[in-house]
């Protein structure tokens, strides 16, 4: 039964940034906090997400973030059915197996103990595919941005496949620029999912086109730009959106940026307090993926150019609840600019 869990072990004094790095390298959603071989607790990506939402810096230590009372099972006294029930009830990624000294002897993982238990999402997806793709010139002088190749597929197929893996089977494509080429391409595809084209007679901005879908949605729906690919847990995003009762949830990415200059910190008298050489700043950036309640469509004007920041302003003025769902920087890429497009190609080949 022995599993390879040693890469999941971390100390209690590591930073959020280091914990994110470890999660990314292991591909897991949870780490195990250990000191002197003794189990201290578990640290999930949800724990890190909560800390980031509350304004925590990537340099913050996890000392007060991890779960100090994790679910565990004794090495000599548990049954597989018990583990399965715990996984399903608590929706956790792993369960440490410990001995009488509270030392970790093994780890059980969700995917090996629970089979065929994942729920299929029934939400619909709106893809904003009408832009000119000016950042990808000269390719987009010939092809619409959604049909730019990425690996063996096009951009739009790559985006749809991420959703389709979670059971999402209904897509609305908001189109304008070179829409005839895009429609002809889809006629040749014969995909296993349902798709509908929504035509913009004139450009309506980054979000204005979805007004044409009013009364189409009974459930919360995804909206994604057509130049970003997000490798996230869409089921968890929907769960988070509903739990917080958000009207709009914006998927954001943690981003550390090193300022290539020395920064002067001064006091109230204009005297230098400190010179910080090339400081690292933490940001949360909008990646271009959202979840919305159907009622949000009432805030969007018909046949008017309307960008997403305009929607946020109107939503806030109408006291709508707007939340964020953080993901890690390596879980998405923006193929709308050349440097990121080339990075995405390298990532897909890995």
C-alpha atoms as a PDB file:
ATOM      1  CA  UNK A   1       0.000   0.000   0.000  1.00  0.00           C
ATOM      2  CA  UNK A   2       2.990   2.293   0.375  1.00  0.00           C
ATOM      3  CA  UNK A   3       2.593   5.565  -1.505  1.00  0.00           C
ATOM      4  CA  UNK A   4       5.215   8.111  -2.437  1.00  0.00           C
ATOM      5  CA  UNK A   5       4.283  10.939  -0.098  1.00  0.00           C
ATOM      6  CA  UNK A   6       7.654  12.336   0.989  1.00  0.00           C
ATOM      7  CA  UNK A   7       7.489  15.201  -1.532  1.00  0.00           C
ATOM      8  CA  UNK A   8       4.318  16.377   0.208  1.00  0.00           C
ATOM      9  CA  UNK A   9       6.020  16.918   3.559  1.00  0.00           C
ATOM     10  CA  UNK A  10       6.872  20.485   4.589  1.00  0.00           C
ATOM     11  CA  UNK A  11       7.841  22.294   7.777  1.00  0.00           C
ATOM     12  CA  UNK A  12       5.592  24.748   9.602  1.00  0.00           C
ATOM     13  CA  UNK A  13       7.821  27.759   8.904  1.00  0.00           C
ATOM     14  CA  UNK A  14       7.760  27.730   5.100  1.00  0.00           C
ATOM     15  CA  UNK A  15       6.164  30.672   3.284  1.00  0.00           C
ATOM     16  CA  UNK A  16       2.984  30.729   1.227  1.00  0.00           C
ATOM     17  CA  UNK A  17       5.145  31.160  -1.864  1.00  0.00           C
ATOM     18  CA  UNK A  18       7.190  28.044  -1.052  1.00  0.00           C
ATOM     19  CA  UNK A  19       4.037  26.060  -0.298  1.00  0.00           C
ATOM     20  CA  UNK A  20       2.528  27.069  -3.646  1.00  0.00           C
ATOM     21  CA  UNK A  21       5.759  26.031  -5.366  1.00  0.00           C
ATOM     22  CA  UNK A  22       5.587  22.617  -3.674  1.00  0.00           C
ATOM     23  CA  UNK A  23       1.926  22.112  -4.601  1.00  0.00           C
ATOM     24  CA  UNK A  24       2.672  23.014  -8.196  1.00  0.00           C
ATOM     25  CA  UNK A  25       5.584  20.580  -8.369  1.00  0.00           C
ATOM     26  CA  UNK A  26       3.640  17.695  -6.849  1.00  0.00           C
ATOM     27  CA  UNK A  27       0.385  18.367  -8.682  1.00  0.00           C
ATOM     28  CA  UNK A  28      -1.513  17.841  -5.426  1.00  0.00           C
ATOM     29  CA  UNK A  29      -4.034  19.998  -3.570  1.00  0.00           C
ATOM     30  CA  UNK A  30      -2.690  19.353  -0.091  1.00  0.00           C
ATOM     31  CA  UNK A  31       0.623  19.181   1.780  1.00  0.00           C
ATOM     32  CA  UNK A  32       1.519  17.505   5.073  1.00  0.00           C
ATOM     33  CA  UNK A  33       3.075  19.609   7.830  1.00  0.00           C
ATOM     34  CA  UNK A  34       5.613  17.682   9.917  1.00  0.00           C
ATOM     35  CA  UNK A  35       8.103  18.479  12.663  1.00  0.00           C
ATOM     36  CA  UNK A  36      10.587  15.948  14.057  1.00  0.00           C
ATOM     37  CA  UNK A  37       8.769  13.193  12.129  1.00  0.00           C
ATOM     38  CA  UNK A  38       5.532  14.038  13.976  1.00  0.00           C
ATOM     39  CA  UNK A  39       2.393  15.030  12.081  1.00  0.00           C
ATOM     40  CA  UNK A  40       1.401  18.632  12.854  1.00  0.00           C
ATOM     41  CA  UNK A  41      -1.358  19.055  10.314  1.00  0.00           C
ATOM     42  CA  UNK A  42      -2.272  19.481   6.660  1.00  0.00           C
ATOM     43  CA  UNK A  43      -2.157  22.520   4.387  1.00  0.00           C
ATOM     44  CA  UNK A  44      -4.591  22.586   1.474  1.00  0.00           C
ATOM     45  CA  UNK A  45      -4.732  24.904  -1.501  1.00  0.00           C
ATOM     46  CA  UNK A  46      -8.000  26.125   0.057  1.00  0.00           C
ATOM     47  CA  UNK A  47      -6.089  27.198   3.187  1.00  0.00           C
ATOM     48  CA  UNK A  48      -3.683  29.173   1.007  1.00  0.00           C
ATOM     49  CA  UNK A  49      -6.564  30.644  -0.990  1.00  0.00           C
ATOM     50  CA  UNK A  50      -8.246  31.921   2.172  1.00  0.00           C
ATOM     51  CA  UNK A  51      -4.999  33.552   3.303  1.00  0.00           C
ATOM     52  CA  UNK A  52      -4.499  35.260  -0.057  1.00  0.00           C
ATOM     53  CA  UNK A  53      -8.109  36.514  -0.147  1.00  0.00           C
ATOM     54  CA  UNK A  54      -7.582  38.040   3.295  1.00  0.00           C
ATOM     55  CA  UNK A  55      -4.591  39.969   1.957  1.00  0.00           C
ATOM     56  CA  UNK A  56      -1.797  37.648   3.002  1.00  0.00           C
ATOM     57  CA  UNK A  57       1.583  38.223   1.374  1.00  0.00           C
ATOM     58  CA  UNK A  58       3.342  35.415  -0.488  1.00  0.00           C
ATOM     59  CA  UNK A  59       6.090  35.878   2.107  1.00  0.00           C
ATOM     60  CA  UNK A  60       3.735  35.025   4.987  1.00  0.00           C
ATOM     61  CA  UNK A  61       4.650  31.834   6.853  1.00  0.00           C
ATOM     62  CA  UNK A  62       2.094  29.037   7.020  1.00  0.00           C
ATOM     63  CA  UNK A  63       2.450  28.668  10.814  1.00  0.00           C
ATOM     64  CA  UNK A  64      -1.078  29.879  11.471  1.00  0.00           C
ATOM     65  CA  UNK A  65      -2.619  28.743   8.208  1.00  0.00           C
ATOM     66  CA  UNK A  66      -2.529  24.962   8.220  1.00  0.00           C
ATOM     67  CA  UNK A  67      -5.162  22.637   9.692  1.00  0.00           C
ATOM     68  CA  UNK A  68      -3.876  21.496  13.067  1.00  0.00           C
ATOM     69  CA  UNK A  69      -6.612  18.883  13.475  1.00  0.00           C
ATOM     70  CA  UNK A  70      -6.487  16.902  10.252  1.00  0.00           C
ATOM     71  CA  UNK A  71      -8.413  13.718   9.583  1.00  0.00           C
ATOM     72  CA  UNK A  72      -6.117  10.727  10.069  1.00  0.00           C
ATOM     73  CA  UNK A  73      -6.451   6.953  10.214  1.00  0.00           C
ATOM     74  CA  UNK A  74      -4.484   4.487  12.402  1.00  0.00           C
ATOM     75  CA  UNK A  75      -2.066   2.212  10.570  1.00  0.00           C
ATOM     76  CA  UNK A  76      -3.364  -1.023  12.114  1.00  0.00           C
ATOM     77  CA  UNK A  77      -7.071  -0.324  12.465  1.00  0.00           C
ATOM     78  CA  UNK A  78      -8.972   1.030   9.478  1.00  0.00           C
ATOM     79  CA  UNK A  79     -10.966  -0.269   6.531  1.00  0.00           C
ATOM     80  CA  UNK A  80     -11.061   0.967   2.956  1.00  0.00           C
ATOM     81  CA  UNK A  81     -14.783   1.706   3.243  1.00  0.00           C
ATOM     82  CA  UNK A  82     -14.072   3.965   6.230  1.00  0.00           C
ATOM     83  CA  UNK A  83     -11.514   5.939   4.224  1.00  0.00           C
ATOM     84  CA  UNK A  84     -13.874   6.286   1.261  1.00  0.00           C
ATOM     85  CA  UNK A  85     -16.673   7.652   3.453  1.00  0.00           C
ATOM     86  CA  UNK A  86     -14.284  10.186   5.023  1.00  0.00           C
ATOM     87  CA  UNK A  87     -13.086  11.354   1.616  1.00  0.00           C
ATOM     88  CA  UNK A  88     -16.611  11.820   0.252  1.00  0.00           C
ATOM     89  CA  UNK A  89     -17.993  13.457   3.400  1.00  0.00           C
ATOM     90  CA  UNK A  90     -15.120  15.927   3.838  1.00  0.00           C
ATOM     91  CA  UNK A  91     -14.022  16.304   0.192  1.00  0.00           C
ATOM     92  CA  UNK A  92     -10.337  16.223   1.100  1.00  0.00           C
ATOM     93  CA  UNK A  93      -7.368  15.387  -1.099  1.00  0.00           C
ATOM     94  CA  UNK A  94      -5.512  13.037   1.237  1.00  0.00           C
ATOM     95  CA  UNK A  95      -5.628  11.256   4.596  1.00  0.00           C
ATOM     96  CA  UNK A  96      -2.397  10.534   6.511  1.00  0.00           C
ATOM     97  CA  UNK A  97      -1.995   7.080   8.032  1.00  0.00           C
ATOM     98  CA  UNK A  98      -0.225   7.339  11.387  1.00  0.00           C
ATOM     99  CA  UNK A  99       1.227   5.036  14.028  1.00  0.00           C
ATOM    100  CA  UNK A 100       0.857   5.284  17.809  1.00  0.00           C
ATOM    101  CA  UNK A 101       3.640   7.918  17.908  1.00  0.00           C
ATOM    102  CA  UNK A 102       1.749  10.143  15.443  1.00  0.00           C
ATOM    103  CA  UNK A 103       4.369   9.479  12.780  1.00  0.00           C
ATOM    104  CA  UNK A 104       3.239   9.243   9.160  1.00  0.00           C
ATOM    105  CA  UNK A 105       3.441   5.711   7.823  1.00  0.00           C
ATOM    106  CA  UNK A 106       1.494   6.188   4.604  1.00  0.00           C
ATOM    107  CA  UNK A 107      -0.981   8.470   2.853  1.00  0.00           C
ATOM    108  CA  UNK A 108      -4.286   7.686   1.164  1.00  0.00           C
ATOM    109  CA  UNK A 109      -5.333   9.797  -1.810  1.00  0.00           C
ATOM    110  CA  UNK A 110      -8.795  10.812  -3.001  1.00  0.00           C
ATOM    111  CA  UNK A 111      -8.467   9.432  -6.522  1.00  0.00           C
ATOM    112  CA  UNK A 112      -7.373   5.965  -5.417  1.00  0.00           C
ATOM    113  CA  UNK A 113      -9.957   5.533  -2.667  1.00  0.00           C
ATOM    114  CA  UNK A 114     -12.974   7.074  -4.417  1.00  0.00           C
ATOM    115  CA  UNK A 115     -13.892   6.038  -7.912  1.00  0.00           C
ATOM    116  CA  UNK A 116     -16.754   7.352 -10.018  1.00  0.00           C
ATOM    117  CA  UNK A 117     -17.730   9.844  -7.322  1.00  0.00           C
ATOM    118  CA  UNK A 118     -16.944  13.091  -9.149  1.00  0.00           C
ATOM    119  CA  UNK A 119     -20.025  15.171  -9.905  1.00  0.00           C
ATOM    120  CA  UNK A 120     -20.655  16.294 -13.458  1.00  0.00           C
ATOM    121  CA  UNK A 121     -21.155  20.041 -13.835  1.00  0.00           C
ATOM    122  CA  UNK A 122     -24.241  21.180 -15.736  1.00  0.00           C
ATOM    123  CA  UNK A 123     -23.358  24.865 -16.009  1.00  0.00           C
ATOM    124  CA  UNK A 124     -23.087  26.576 -19.366  1.00  0.00           C
ATOM    125  CA  UNK A 125     -20.029  28.398 -20.724  1.00  0.00           C
ATOM    126  CA  UNK A 126     -19.822  31.685 -22.629  1.00  0.00           C
ATOM    127  CA  UNK A 127     -16.662  32.225 -24.694  1.00  0.00           C
ATOM    128  CA  UNK A 128     -15.921  35.795 -25.750  1.00  0.00           C
ATOM    129  CA  UNK A 129     -14.509  34.998 -29.204  1.00  0.00           C
ATOM    130  CA  UNK A 130     -15.198  38.173 -31.150  1.00  0.00           C
ATOM    131  CA  UNK A 131     -12.015  40.193 -30.640  1.00  0.00           C
ATOM    132  CA  UNK A 132      -9.539  41.113 -33.364  1.00  0.00           C
ATOM    133  CA  UNK A 133      -6.526  39.680 -31.544  1.00  0.00           C
ATOM    134  CA  UNK A 134      -4.318  42.667 -32.308  1.00  0.00           C
ATOM    135  CA  UNK A 135      -1.608  41.399 -29.938  1.00  0.00           C
ATOM    136  CA  UNK A 136      -1.155  38.353 -32.184  1.00  0.00           C
ATOM    137  CA  UNK A 137      -0.643  40.185 -35.453  1.00  0.00           C
ATOM    138  CA  UNK A 138       0.133  39.189 -38.193  1.00  0.00           C
ATOM    139  CA  UNK A 139      -1.449  35.736 -37.532  1.00  0.00           C
ATOM    140  CA  UNK A 140      -4.810  37.302 -36.823  1.00  0.00           C
ATOM    141  CA  UNK A 141      -4.840  39.110 -40.149  1.00  0.00           C
ATOM    142  CA  UNK A 142      -5.446  35.643 -41.629  1.00  0.00           C
ATOM    143  CA  UNK A 143      -7.168  33.681 -38.849  1.00  0.00           C
ATOM    144  CA  UNK A 144      -9.530  34.724 -36.057  1.00  0.00           C
ATOM    145  CA  UNK A 145      -7.817  34.499 -32.676  1.00  0.00           C
ATOM    146  CA  UNK A 146      -9.800  31.411 -31.546  1.00  0.00           C
ATOM    147  CA  UNK A 147      -8.285  29.394 -34.394  1.00  0.00           C
ATOM    148  CA  UNK A 148      -4.638  30.151 -33.632  1.00  0.00           C
ATOM    149  CA  UNK A 149      -2.941  26.731 -33.232  1.00  0.00           C
ATOM    150  CA  UNK A 150      -1.753  25.652 -29.804  1.00  0.00           C
ATOM    151  CA  UNK A 151      -0.209  22.199 -29.784  1.00  0.00           C
ATOM    152  CA  UNK A 152      -2.392  19.846 -31.835  1.00  0.00           C
ATOM    153  CA  UNK A 153      -5.534  21.921 -31.306  1.00  0.00           C
ATOM    154  CA  UNK A 154      -6.721  25.466 -31.760  1.00  0.00           C
ATOM    155  CA  UNK A 155      -7.005  27.946 -28.895  1.00  0.00           C
ATOM    156  CA  UNK A 156     -10.767  27.603 -28.630  1.00  0.00           C
ATOM    157  CA  UNK A 157     -10.647  23.795 -28.673  1.00  0.00           C
ATOM    158  CA  UNK A 158      -8.052  23.850 -25.887  1.00  0.00           C
ATOM    159  CA  UNK A 159     -10.291  26.110 -23.800  1.00  0.00           C
ATOM    160  CA  UNK A 160     -13.398  23.999 -24.409  1.00  0.00           C
ATOM    161  CA  UNK A 161     -11.553  20.751 -23.633  1.00  0.00           C
ATOM    162  CA  UNK A 162     -10.671  22.069 -20.152  1.00  0.00           C
ATOM    163  CA  UNK A 163     -14.365  22.608 -19.432  1.00  0.00           C
ATOM    164  CA  UNK A 164     -15.490  19.442 -21.199  1.00  0.00           C
ATOM    165  CA  UNK A 165     -13.305  17.365 -18.861  1.00  0.00           C
ATOM    166  CA  UNK A 166     -15.670  18.471 -16.080  1.00  0.00           C
ATOM    167  CA  UNK A 167     -18.771  17.424 -17.988  1.00  0.00           C
ATOM    168  CA  UNK A 168     -19.689  20.875 -19.336  1.00  0.00           C
ATOM    169  CA  UNK A 169     -21.434  20.301 -22.661  1.00  0.00           C
ATOM    170  CA  UNK A 170     -23.122  23.564 -23.674  1.00  0.00           C
ATOM    171  CA  UNK A 171     -21.143  26.527 -25.051  1.00  0.00           C
ATOM    172  CA  UNK A 172     -22.107  29.948 -26.377  1.00  0.00           C
ATOM    173  CA  UNK A 173     -19.547  31.598 -28.656  1.00  0.00           C
ATOM    174  CA  UNK A 174     -19.818  35.397 -28.913  1.00  0.00           C
ATOM    175  CA  UNK A 175     -18.360  36.201 -32.347  1.00  0.00           C
ATOM    176  CA  UNK A 176     -17.672  39.188 -34.568  1.00  0.00           C
ATOM    177  CA  UNK A 177     -14.235  39.387 -36.229  1.00  0.00           C
ATOM    178  CA  UNK A 178     -13.811  36.790 -39.033  1.00  0.00           C
ATOM    179  CA  UNK A 179     -16.798  34.883 -37.647  1.00  0.00           C
ATOM    180  CA  UNK A 180     -17.514  33.117 -40.974  1.00  0.00           C
ATOM    181  CA  UNK A 181     -14.134  31.365 -40.808  1.00  0.00           C
ATOM    182  CA  UNK A 182     -14.762  30.267 -37.222  1.00  0.00           C
ATOM    183  CA  UNK A 183     -18.244  28.961 -38.054  1.00  0.00           C
ATOM    184  CA  UNK A 184     -16.946  27.010 -41.040  1.00  0.00           C
ATOM    185  CA  UNK A 185     -14.261  25.426 -38.854  1.00  0.00           C
ATOM    186  CA  UNK A 186     -16.838  24.235 -36.306  1.00  0.00           C
ATOM    187  CA  UNK A 187     -18.998  22.747 -39.063  1.00  0.00           C
ATOM    188  CA  UNK A 188     -16.086  20.423 -39.863  1.00  0.00           C
ATOM    189  CA  UNK A 189     -15.462  19.514 -36.198  1.00  0.00           C
ATOM    190  CA  UNK A 190     -18.680  17.638 -35.347  1.00  0.00           C
ATOM    191  CA  UNK A 191     -17.924  17.912 -31.600  1.00  0.00           C
ATOM    192  CA  UNK A 192     -19.580  15.900 -28.817  1.00  0.00           C
ATOM    193  CA  UNK A 193     -20.829  19.061 -27.121  1.00  0.00           C
ATOM    194  CA  UNK A 194     -23.514  21.585 -28.018  1.00  0.00           C
ATOM    195  CA  UNK A 195     -22.430  24.991 -29.266  1.00  0.00           C
ATOM    196  CA  UNK A 196     -24.284  28.095 -30.394  1.00  0.00           C
ATOM    197  CA  UNK A 197     -22.887  31.169 -32.117  1.00  0.00           C
ATOM    198  CA  UNK A 198     -24.056  34.589 -30.944  1.00  0.00           C
ATOM    199  CA  UNK A 199     -23.346  37.326 -33.483  1.00  0.00           C
ATOM    200  CA  UNK A 200     -22.238  40.835 -32.613  1.00  0.00           C
ATOM    201  CA  UNK A 201     -23.226  43.082 -35.522  1.00  0.00           C
ATOM    202  CA  UNK A 202     -20.811  45.630 -34.095  1.00  0.00           C
ATOM    203  CA  UNK A 203     -18.109  45.183 -31.406  1.00  0.00           C
ATOM    204  CA  UNK A 204     -19.688  45.351 -27.945  1.00  0.00           C
ATOM    205  CA  UNK A 205     -16.578  45.320 -25.756  1.00  0.00           C
ATOM    206  CA  UNK A 206     -15.223  42.611 -23.490  1.00  0.00           C
ATOM    207  CA  UNK A 207     -18.571  41.727 -21.871  1.00  0.00           C
ATOM    208  CA  UNK A 208     -21.372  43.590 -23.688  1.00  0.00           C
ATOM    209  CA  UNK A 209     -22.151  40.684 -26.018  1.00  0.00           C
ATOM    210  CA  UNK A 210     -23.498  38.422 -23.289  1.00  0.00           C
ATOM    211  CA  UNK A 211     -26.560  40.666 -22.997  1.00  0.00           C
ATOM    212  CA  UNK A 212     -27.827  38.780 -26.053  1.00  0.00           C
ATOM    213  CA  UNK A 213     -28.044  35.661 -23.854  1.00  0.00           C
ATOM    214  CA  UNK A 214     -30.546  37.118 -21.405  1.00  0.00           C
ATOM    215  CA  UNK A 215     -33.078  34.474 -20.302  1.00  0.00           C
ATOM    216  CA  UNK A 216     -30.817  31.665 -21.569  1.00  0.00           C
ATOM    217  CA  UNK A 217     -29.487  30.644 -18.153  1.00  0.00           C
ATOM    218  CA  UNK A 218     -31.205  28.902 -15.260  1.00  0.00           C
ATOM    219  CA  UNK A 219     -27.956  28.270 -13.370  1.00  0.00           C
ATOM    220  CA  UNK A 220     -24.778  30.227 -12.724  1.00  0.00           C
ATOM    221  CA  UNK A 221     -22.576  30.240 -15.808  1.00  0.00           C
ATOM    222  CA  UNK A 222     -18.916  30.615 -16.772  1.00  0.00           C
ATOM    223  CA  UNK A 223     -17.610  33.439 -18.942  1.00  0.00           C
ATOM    224  CA  UNK A 224     -14.106  33.166 -20.379  1.00  0.00           C
ATOM    225  CA  UNK A 225     -11.963  35.236 -22.688  1.00  0.00           C
ATOM    226  CA  UNK A 226     -10.793  33.396 -25.780  1.00  0.00           C
ATOM    227  CA  UNK A 227      -7.115  34.132 -25.251  1.00  0.00           C
ATOM    228  CA  UNK A 228      -6.580  32.466 -21.871  1.00  0.00           C
ATOM    229  CA  UNK A 229      -6.307  28.810 -20.870  1.00  0.00           C
ATOM    230  CA  UNK A 230      -6.966  28.023 -17.208  1.00  0.00           C
ATOM    231  CA  UNK A 231      -5.957  24.670 -15.738  1.00  0.00           C
ATOM    232  CA  UNK A 232      -8.082  24.853 -12.593  1.00  0.00           C
ATOM    233  CA  UNK A 233     -10.628  22.765 -10.703  1.00  0.00           C
ATOM    234  CA  UNK A 234     -13.845  24.083 -12.253  1.00  0.00           C
ATOM    235  CA  UNK A 235     -15.944  22.041  -9.843  1.00  0.00           C
ATOM    236  CA  UNK A 236     -14.240  23.727  -6.906  1.00  0.00           C
ATOM    237  CA  UNK A 237     -14.717  27.151  -8.510  1.00  0.00           C
ATOM    238  CA  UNK A 238     -18.479  26.596  -8.771  1.00  0.00           C
ATOM    239  CA  UNK A 239     -18.589  25.254  -5.224  1.00  0.00           C
ATOM    240  CA  UNK A 240     -16.714  28.330  -3.956  1.00  0.00           C
ATOM    241  CA  UNK A 241     -18.961  30.691  -5.937  1.00  0.00           C
ATOM    242  CA  UNK A 242     -22.116  29.175  -4.432  1.00  0.00           C
ATOM    243  CA  UNK A 243     -20.693  28.916  -0.922  1.00  0.00           C
ATOM    244  CA  UNK A 244     -19.858  32.633  -0.926  1.00  0.00           C
ATOM    245  CA  UNK A 245     -23.185  33.443  -2.610  1.00  0.00           C
ATOM    246  CA  UNK A 246     -21.332  35.680  -5.056  1.00  0.00           C
ATOM    247  CA  UNK A 247     -23.100  37.406  -7.911  1.00  0.00           C
ATOM    248  CA  UNK A 248     -19.781  37.492  -9.754  1.00  0.00           C
ATOM    249  CA  UNK A 249     -16.659  35.492  -8.966  1.00  0.00           C
ATOM    250  CA  UNK A 250     -13.465  36.658 -10.657  1.00  0.00           C
ATOM    251  CA  UNK A 251     -10.709  34.087 -11.054  1.00  0.00           C
ATOM    252  CA  UNK A 252      -7.432  35.816 -10.202  1.00  0.00           C
ATOM    253  CA  UNK A 253      -3.812  34.749 -10.207  1.00  0.00           C
ATOM    254  CA  UNK A 254      -1.109  35.348  -7.642  1.00  0.00           C
ATOM    255  CA  UNK A 255       1.714  37.266  -9.288  1.00  0.00           C
ATOM    256  CA  UNK A 256       5.054  38.254  -7.806  1.00  0.00           C
ATOM    257  CA  UNK A 257       6.785  41.094  -9.641  1.00  0.00           C
ATOM    258  CA  UNK A 258      10.342  42.205  -8.925  1.00  0.00           C
ATOM    259  CA  UNK A 259      10.763  45.949  -9.348  1.00  0.00           C
ATOM    260  CA  UNK A 260      14.146  46.440 -11.065  1.00  0.00           C
ATOM    261  CA  UNK A 261      15.000  49.554  -9.030  1.00  0.00           C
ATOM    262  CA  UNK A 262      15.969  50.528  -5.525  1.00  0.00           C
ATOM    263  CA  UNK A 263      12.922  51.950  -3.715  1.00  0.00           C
ATOM    264  CA  UNK A 264      13.340  54.776  -1.224  1.00  0.00           C
ATOM    265  CA  UNK A 265      11.140  54.758   1.866  1.00  0.00           C
ATOM    266  CA  UNK A 266      10.950  58.166   3.542  1.00  0.00           C
ATOM    267  CA  UNK A 267       9.523  59.457   6.808  1.00  0.00           C
ATOM    268  CA  UNK A 268       7.126  62.390   7.362  1.00  0.00           C
ATOM    269  CA  UNK A 269      10.031  64.853   7.268  1.00  0.00           C
ATOM    270  CA  UNK A 270      11.246  63.679   3.897  1.00  0.00           C
ATOM    271  CA  UNK A 271      14.246  61.864   5.404  1.00  0.00           C
ATOM    272  CA  UNK A 272      15.299  58.484   4.078  1.00  0.00           C
ATOM    273  CA  UNK A 273      14.221  55.632   6.349  1.00  0.00           C
ATOM    274  CA  UNK A 274      15.238  52.701   4.217  1.00  0.00           C
ATOM    275  CA  UNK A 275      16.531  51.853   0.757  1.00  0.00           C
ATOM    276  CA  UNK A 276      14.964  48.635  -0.502  1.00  0.00           C
ATOM    277  CA  UNK A 277      16.876  47.149  -3.400  1.00  0.00           C
ATOM    278  CA  UNK A 278      14.704  45.541  -6.100  1.00  0.00           C
ATOM    279  CA  UNK A 279      11.689  44.741  -3.892  1.00  0.00           C
ATOM    280  CA  UNK A 280       9.336  41.910  -4.776  1.00  0.00           C
ATOM    281  CA  UNK A 281       5.717  43.002  -4.917  1.00  0.00           C
ATOM    282  CA  UNK A 282       2.675  40.715  -4.713  1.00  0.00           C
ATOM    283  CA  UNK A 283      -0.379  41.211  -6.906  1.00  0.00           C
ATOM    284  CA  UNK A 284      -3.673  39.502  -7.677  1.00  0.00           C
ATOM    285  CA  UNK A 285      -4.404  39.854 -11.396  1.00  0.00           C
ATOM    286  CA  UNK A 286      -7.586  39.190 -13.342  1.00  0.00           C
ATOM    287  CA  UNK A 287      -7.015  36.204 -15.669  1.00  0.00           C
ATOM    288  CA  UNK A 288     -10.206  36.643 -17.740  1.00  0.00           C
ATOM    289  CA  UNK A 289     -12.407  33.845 -16.340  1.00  0.00           C
ATOM    290  CA  UNK A 290     -15.601  34.494 -14.362  1.00  0.00           C
ATOM    291  CA  UNK A 291     -18.672  32.851 -12.850  1.00  0.00           C
ATOM    292  CA  UNK A 292     -21.880  34.872 -12.851  1.00  0.00           C
ATOM    293  CA  UNK A 293     -25.451  34.618 -11.682  1.00  0.00           C
ATOM    294  CA  UNK A 294     -28.019  34.977 -14.488  1.00  0.00           C
ATOM    295  CA  UNK A 295     -29.384  38.139 -12.844  1.00  0.00           C
ATOM    296  CA  UNK A 296     -26.136  39.952 -13.690  1.00  0.00           C
ATOM    297  CA  UNK A 297     -27.287  40.155 -17.316  1.00  0.00           C
ATOM    298  CA  UNK A 298     -29.892  42.701 -16.217  1.00  0.00           C
ATOM    299  CA  UNK A 299     -27.071  45.159 -15.492  1.00  0.00           C
ATOM    300  CA  UNK A 300     -25.649  45.079 -19.023  1.00  0.00           C
ATOM    301  CA  UNK A 301     -27.089  47.563 -21.555  1.00  0.00           C
ATOM    302  CA  UNK A 302     -28.333  46.218 -24.878  1.00  0.00           C
ATOM    303  CA  UNK A 303     -26.362  46.875 -28.067  1.00  0.00           C
ATOM    304  CA  UNK A 304     -23.893  49.140 -26.292  1.00  0.00           C
ATOM    305  CA  UNK A 305     -20.116  48.877 -26.034  1.00  0.00           C
ATOM    306  CA  UNK A 306     -19.514  47.613 -22.505  1.00  0.00           C
ATOM    307  CA  UNK A 307     -16.268  46.346 -20.961  1.00  0.00           C
ATOM    308  CA  UNK A 308     -15.892  44.124 -17.910  1.00  0.00           C
ATOM    309  CA  UNK A 309     -14.660  46.998 -15.663  1.00  0.00           C
ATOM    310  CA  UNK A 310     -17.891  48.811 -16.601  1.00  0.00           C
ATOM    311  CA  UNK A 311     -19.877  45.807 -15.378  1.00  0.00           C
ATOM    312  CA  UNK A 312     -17.964  45.700 -12.097  1.00  0.00           C
ATOM    313  CA  UNK A 313     -18.650  49.398 -11.515  1.00  0.00           C
ATOM    314  CA  UNK A 314     -22.390  48.986 -12.182  1.00  0.00           C
ATOM    315  CA  UNK A 315     -22.552  45.804 -10.098  1.00  0.00           C
ATOM    316  CA  UNK A 316     -20.925  47.500  -7.116  1.00  0.00           C
ATOM    317  CA  UNK A 317     -23.281  50.459  -7.453  1.00  0.00           C
ATOM    318  CA  UNK A 318     -26.140  47.940  -7.272  1.00  0.00           C
ATOM    319  CA  UNK A 319     -24.655  46.287  -4.168  1.00  0.00           C
ATOM    320  CA  UNK A 320     -23.906  43.015  -5.914  1.00  0.00           C
ATOM    321  CA  UNK A 321     -21.518  40.633  -4.201  1.00  0.00           C
ATOM    322  CA  UNK A 322     -18.247  40.293  -6.097  1.00  0.00           C
ATOM    323  CA  UNK A 323     -15.633  37.787  -4.924  1.00  0.00           C
ATOM    324  CA  UNK A 324     -12.311  36.433  -6.100  1.00  0.00           C
ATOM    325  CA  UNK A 325     -11.035  32.885  -6.495  1.00  0.00           C
ATOM    326  CA  UNK A 326      -7.199  32.790  -6.519  1.00  0.00           C
ATOM    327  CA  UNK A 327      -5.262  30.293  -8.621  1.00  0.00           C
ATOM    328  CA  UNK A 328      -1.500  29.898  -8.948  1.00  0.00           C
ATOM    329  CA  UNK A 329       0.507  31.652 -11.625  1.00  0.00           C
ATOM    330  CA  UNK A 330       1.475  28.452 -13.454  1.00  0.00           C
ATOM    331  CA  UNK A 331      -2.160  27.297 -13.691  1.00  0.00           C
ATOM    332  CA  UNK A 332      -3.016  29.634 -16.543  1.00  0.00           C
ATOM    333  CA  UNK A 333      -1.463  31.341 -19.511  1.00  0.00           C
ATOM    334  CA  UNK A 334      -2.449  34.248 -21.708  1.00  0.00           C
ATOM    335  CA  UNK A 335      -2.033  33.221 -25.316  1.00  0.00           C
ATOM    336  CA  UNK A 336      -3.096  36.663 -26.507  1.00  0.00           C
ATOM    337  CA  UNK A 337       0.474  37.965 -26.400  1.00  0.00           C
ATOM    338  CA  UNK A 338       3.505  36.470 -28.115  1.00  0.00           C
ATOM    339  CA  UNK A 339       5.660  35.772 -25.059  1.00  0.00           C
ATOM    340  CA  UNK A 340       2.848  33.904 -23.290  1.00  0.00           C
ATOM    341  CA  UNK A 341       1.802  32.153 -26.492  1.00  0.00           C
ATOM    342  CA  UNK A 342       5.315  30.766 -26.873  1.00  0.00           C
ATOM    343  CA  UNK A 343       5.345  29.765 -23.192  1.00  0.00           C
ATOM    344  CA  UNK A 344       2.067  27.898 -23.643  1.00  0.00           C
ATOM    345  CA  UNK A 345       3.540  25.948 -26.559  1.00  0.00           C
ATOM    346  CA  UNK A 346       6.500  24.892 -24.429  1.00  0.00           C
ATOM    347  CA  UNK A 347       4.194  23.915 -21.577  1.00  0.00           C
ATOM    348  CA  UNK A 348       2.001  21.751 -23.811  1.00  0.00           C
ATOM    349  CA  UNK A 349       5.065  19.901 -25.162  1.00  0.00           C
ATOM    350  CA  UNK A 350       6.231  19.050 -21.621  1.00  0.00           C
END
